[in-house]
């Protein structure tokens, strides 16, 4: 066994800077597995954006801020710990083993490798899909609010008409009033079904 091969076998047992797996291309199956968790996706995205060596505490704070929709400065110690520990124990060692990063668990340093770039197209697609989903969700919630306002408007108008007819302020028959109320609620129902 050559010293280089021996070094590779020894490195694979360690989680520290594994240069052997970096030279092997990441399979499509491995890519999807590594992207299957939000924290790994966010770690990869962050490393792609920075393109430099990053300390684990900085990465953990960044991901905690994203998960809790706050700023990095406002992340609490508990929020930080809930991200830091899984990154340290699980996510970063998996990325290191796949050759996507070099992870020195002793120094708490993460360095991107050239393999990291294979994830860029997947994350761009994911970002676009998330953005589309958010805008679609915003539009849908706006539509639902508008339709709910139709229901409220129909109920309010119906109650006003009923009161006006009861007090004799509007001279229409009860059947005609019932027809108006039914039409108002049918229109609100059609709008609701059409927007959903």
Protein backbone atom coordinates (compact mmCIF):
# COMPACT_ATOMS: atom_id res chain seq x y z
CA UNK A 1 0.00 0.00 0.00
CA UNK A 2 1.47 3.37 -1.00
CA UNK A 3 1.87 6.13 1.57
CA UNK A 4 -0.69 8.21 -0.37
CA UNK A 5 -3.32 5.43 -0.24
CA UNK A 6 -2.54 4.84 3.41
CA UNK A 7 -3.05 8.57 4.02
CA UNK A 8 -6.45 8.44 2.30
CA UNK A 9 -7.63 5.51 4.37
CA UNK A 10 -6.50 7.21 7.53
CA UNK A 11 -8.16 10.50 6.53
CA UNK A 12 -11.48 8.82 5.84
CA UNK A 13 -11.63 7.76 9.49
CA UNK A 14 -11.01 11.35 10.60
CA UNK A 15 -13.34 14.25 10.05
CA UNK A 16 -10.40 16.64 9.57
CA UNK A 17 -9.65 18.01 6.11
CA UNK A 18 -10.28 15.02 3.89
CA UNK A 19 -8.46 15.73 0.59
CA UNK A 20 -9.10 12.22 -0.79
CA UNK A 21 -12.86 12.53 -1.32
CA UNK A 22 -12.54 15.97 -2.91
CA UNK A 23 -11.07 14.49 -6.08
CA UNK A 24 -14.04 12.13 -6.55
CA UNK A 25 -17.09 13.72 -8.22
CA UNK A 26 -20.23 13.94 -6.12
CA UNK A 27 -22.96 11.67 -7.50
CA UNK A 28 -26.42 13.03 -8.23
CA UNK A 29 -27.85 10.79 -5.50
CA UNK A 30 -25.31 12.21 -3.03
CA UNK A 31 -26.16 15.77 -4.09
CA UNK A 32 -29.85 15.22 -3.39
CA UNK A 33 -29.07 13.50 -0.09
CA UNK A 34 -26.85 16.38 1.03
CA UNK A 35 -29.49 18.93 0.00
CA UNK A 36 -32.26 17.04 1.80
CA UNK A 37 -31.97 19.07 5.02
CA UNK A 38 -32.49 22.80 5.30
CA UNK A 39 -29.44 23.33 7.50
CA UNK A 40 -27.09 21.64 5.03
CA UNK A 41 -28.66 23.60 2.17
CA UNK A 42 -28.16 26.86 4.05
CA UNK A 43 -24.58 25.93 4.97
CA UNK A 44 -23.79 25.15 1.33
CA UNK A 45 -25.50 28.34 0.14
CA UNK A 46 -23.57 30.43 2.67
CA UNK A 47 -20.24 28.84 1.71
CA UNK A 48 -20.97 29.37 -1.99
CA UNK A 49 -21.63 33.05 -1.32
CA UNK A 50 -18.57 33.64 0.86
CA UNK A 51 -16.16 31.37 -1.05
CA UNK A 52 -13.74 31.61 1.90
CA UNK A 53 -12.86 29.71 5.02
CA UNK A 54 -15.56 30.26 7.65
CA UNK A 55 -15.66 29.63 11.36
CA UNK A 56 -18.36 27.28 12.63
CA UNK A 57 -19.73 29.87 15.13
CA UNK A 58 -20.29 32.39 12.31
CA UNK A 59 -22.05 29.81 10.14
CA UNK A 60 -24.22 28.62 13.05
CA UNK A 61 -25.29 32.19 13.87
CA UNK A 62 -26.13 32.85 10.23
CA UNK A 63 -28.33 29.74 9.96
CA UNK A 64 -29.97 30.43 13.34
CA UNK A 65 -30.85 33.95 12.16
CA UNK A 66 -32.45 32.53 9.00
CA UNK A 67 -34.43 29.89 10.87
CA UNK A 68 -35.72 32.38 13.43
CA UNK A 69 -36.22 35.21 10.93
CA UNK A 70 -34.06 37.60 12.89
CA UNK A 71 -30.68 39.31 12.55
CA UNK A 72 -27.42 37.58 13.41
CA UNK A 73 -26.99 40.02 16.32
CA UNK A 74 -30.41 39.12 17.78
CA UNK A 75 -29.87 35.33 17.81
CA UNK A 76 -30.17 34.02 21.36
CA UNK A 77 -27.69 31.60 22.88
CA UNK A 78 -30.31 28.84 22.91
CA UNK A 79 -31.13 29.37 19.21
CA UNK A 80 -27.42 29.36 18.40
CA UNK A 81 -26.78 26.12 20.34
CA UNK A 82 -29.69 24.33 18.61
CA UNK A 83 -27.97 24.98 15.27
CA UNK A 84 -24.33 24.69 16.34
CA UNK A 85 -24.51 21.19 17.81
CA UNK A 86 -26.14 19.41 14.81
CA UNK A 87 -23.79 21.26 12.43
CA UNK A 88 -20.76 20.20 14.48
CA UNK A 89 -21.83 16.59 15.07
CA UNK A 90 -23.65 15.66 11.86
CA UNK A 91 -24.07 18.06 8.96
CA UNK A 92 -20.52 19.32 8.51
CA UNK A 93 -18.92 15.86 8.89
CA UNK A 94 -21.26 14.58 6.12
CA UNK A 95 -20.28 17.43 3.82
CA UNK A 96 -16.62 16.82 4.62
CA UNK A 97 -16.88 13.10 3.95
CA UNK A 98 -18.47 13.85 0.56
CA UNK A 99 -15.55 16.15 -0.27
CA UNK A 100 -17.78 19.21 -0.54
CA UNK A 101 -15.95 21.04 2.25
CA UNK A 102 -12.86 20.62 4.37
CA UNK A 103 -13.94 20.63 8.00
CA UNK A 104 -11.50 20.91 10.86
CA UNK A 105 -13.62 20.04 13.89
CA UNK A 106 -10.77 20.87 16.28
CA UNK A 107 -10.32 24.43 15.02
CA UNK A 108 -14.02 24.73 14.07
CA UNK A 109 -13.12 25.85 10.54
CA UNK A 110 -14.93 25.11 7.30
CA UNK A 111 -13.35 25.59 3.91
CA UNK A 112 -15.23 25.15 0.62
CA UNK A 113 -13.74 22.84 -2.01
CA UNK A 114 -14.19 22.96 -5.77
CA UNK A 115 -16.88 20.25 -5.37
CA UNK A 116 -19.13 22.80 -3.67
CA UNK A 117 -19.87 24.48 -7.01
CA UNK A 118 -21.92 21.49 -8.22
CA UNK A 119 -24.65 22.57 -5.77
CA UNK A 120 -25.06 26.10 -7.18
CA UNK A 121 -27.63 25.27 -9.89
CA UNK A 122 -29.75 23.28 -7.45
CA UNK A 123 -29.76 26.06 -4.89
CA UNK A 124 -30.57 28.73 -7.50
CA UNK A 125 -33.57 26.66 -8.58
CA UNK A 126 -34.56 26.14 -4.96
CA UNK A 127 -34.33 29.89 -4.24
CA UNK A 128 -36.49 30.70 -7.27
CA UNK A 129 -39.07 28.09 -6.23
CA UNK A 130 -39.15 29.43 -2.66
CA UNK A 131 -39.55 32.98 -3.98
CA UNK A 132 -42.35 31.88 -6.33
CA UNK A 133 -44.05 29.99 -3.51
CA UNK A 134 -43.83 33.04 -1.23
CA UNK A 135 -45.29 35.39 -3.88
CA UNK A 136 -47.98 32.83 -4.73
CA UNK A 137 -48.78 32.48 -1.03
CA UNK A 138 -48.95 36.27 -0.65
CA UNK A 139 -51.29 36.51 -3.65
CA UNK A 140 -53.45 33.64 -2.40
CA UNK A 141 -53.75 35.13 1.08
CA UNK A 142 -54.64 38.49 -0.49
CA UNK A 143 -57.31 36.79 -2.64
CA UNK A 144 -58.70 34.89 0.35
CA UNK A 145 -58.83 38.11 2.39
CA UNK A 146 -60.64 39.83 -0.50
CA UNK A 147 -63.17 36.99 -0.73
CA UNK A 148 -63.60 36.91 3.05
CA UNK A 149 -64.32 40.63 2.81
CA UNK A 150 -66.99 39.75 0.23
CA UNK A 151 -68.61 37.40 2.75
CA UNK A 152 -68.49 40.09 5.42
CA UNK A 153 -69.84 42.66 2.97
CA UNK A 154 -72.63 40.30 1.92
CA UNK A 155 -73.56 39.65 5.53
CA UNK A 156 -73.48 43.35 6.42
CA UNK A 157 -75.52 44.39 3.39
CA UNK A 158 -78.02 41.59 4.02
CA UNK A 159 -78.46 42.62 7.65
CA UNK A 160 -78.89 46.28 6.65
CA UNK A 161 -81.47 45.43 3.98
CA UNK A 162 -83.34 43.13 6.35
CA UNK A 163 -83.46 45.85 9.02
CA UNK A 164 -84.55 48.47 6.48
CA UNK A 165 -87.36 46.23 5.15
CA UNK A 166 -88.46 45.30 8.69
CA UNK A 167 -88.65 48.98 9.69
CA UNK A 168 -90.54 49.77 6.47
CA UNK A 169 -87.82 52.04 5.11
CA UNK A 170 -87.55 50.08 1.84
CA UNK A 171 -90.82 48.90 0.31
CA UNK A 172 -89.86 45.46 -1.13
CA UNK A 173 -91.31 42.04 -0.57
CA UNK A 174 -89.68 39.43 1.66
CA UNK A 175 -89.25 37.10 -1.31
CA UNK A 176 -87.35 39.75 -3.27
CA UNK A 177 -85.18 40.50 -0.23
CA UNK A 178 -84.47 36.78 0.20
CA UNK A 179 -83.46 36.58 -3.48
CA UNK A 180 -81.04 39.52 -3.06
CA UNK A 181 -79.45 37.90 0.00
CA UNK A 182 -79.10 34.54 -1.76
CA UNK A 183 -77.49 36.20 -4.81
CA UNK A 184 -75.02 38.09 -2.58
CA UNK A 185 -73.88 34.91 -0.84
CA UNK A 186 -73.79 32.88 -4.07
CA UNK A 187 -71.55 35.56 -5.62
CA UNK A 188 -69.23 35.47 -2.59
CA UNK A 189 -69.12 31.66 -2.78
CA UNK A 190 -68.31 31.69 -6.52
CA UNK A 191 -65.50 34.19 -5.91
CA UNK A 192 -64.14 32.04 -3.09
CA UNK A 193 -64.14 28.85 -5.19
CA UNK A 194 -62.61 30.64 -8.17
CA UNK A 195 -59.67 32.08 -6.16
CA UNK A 196 -58.76 28.85 -4.36
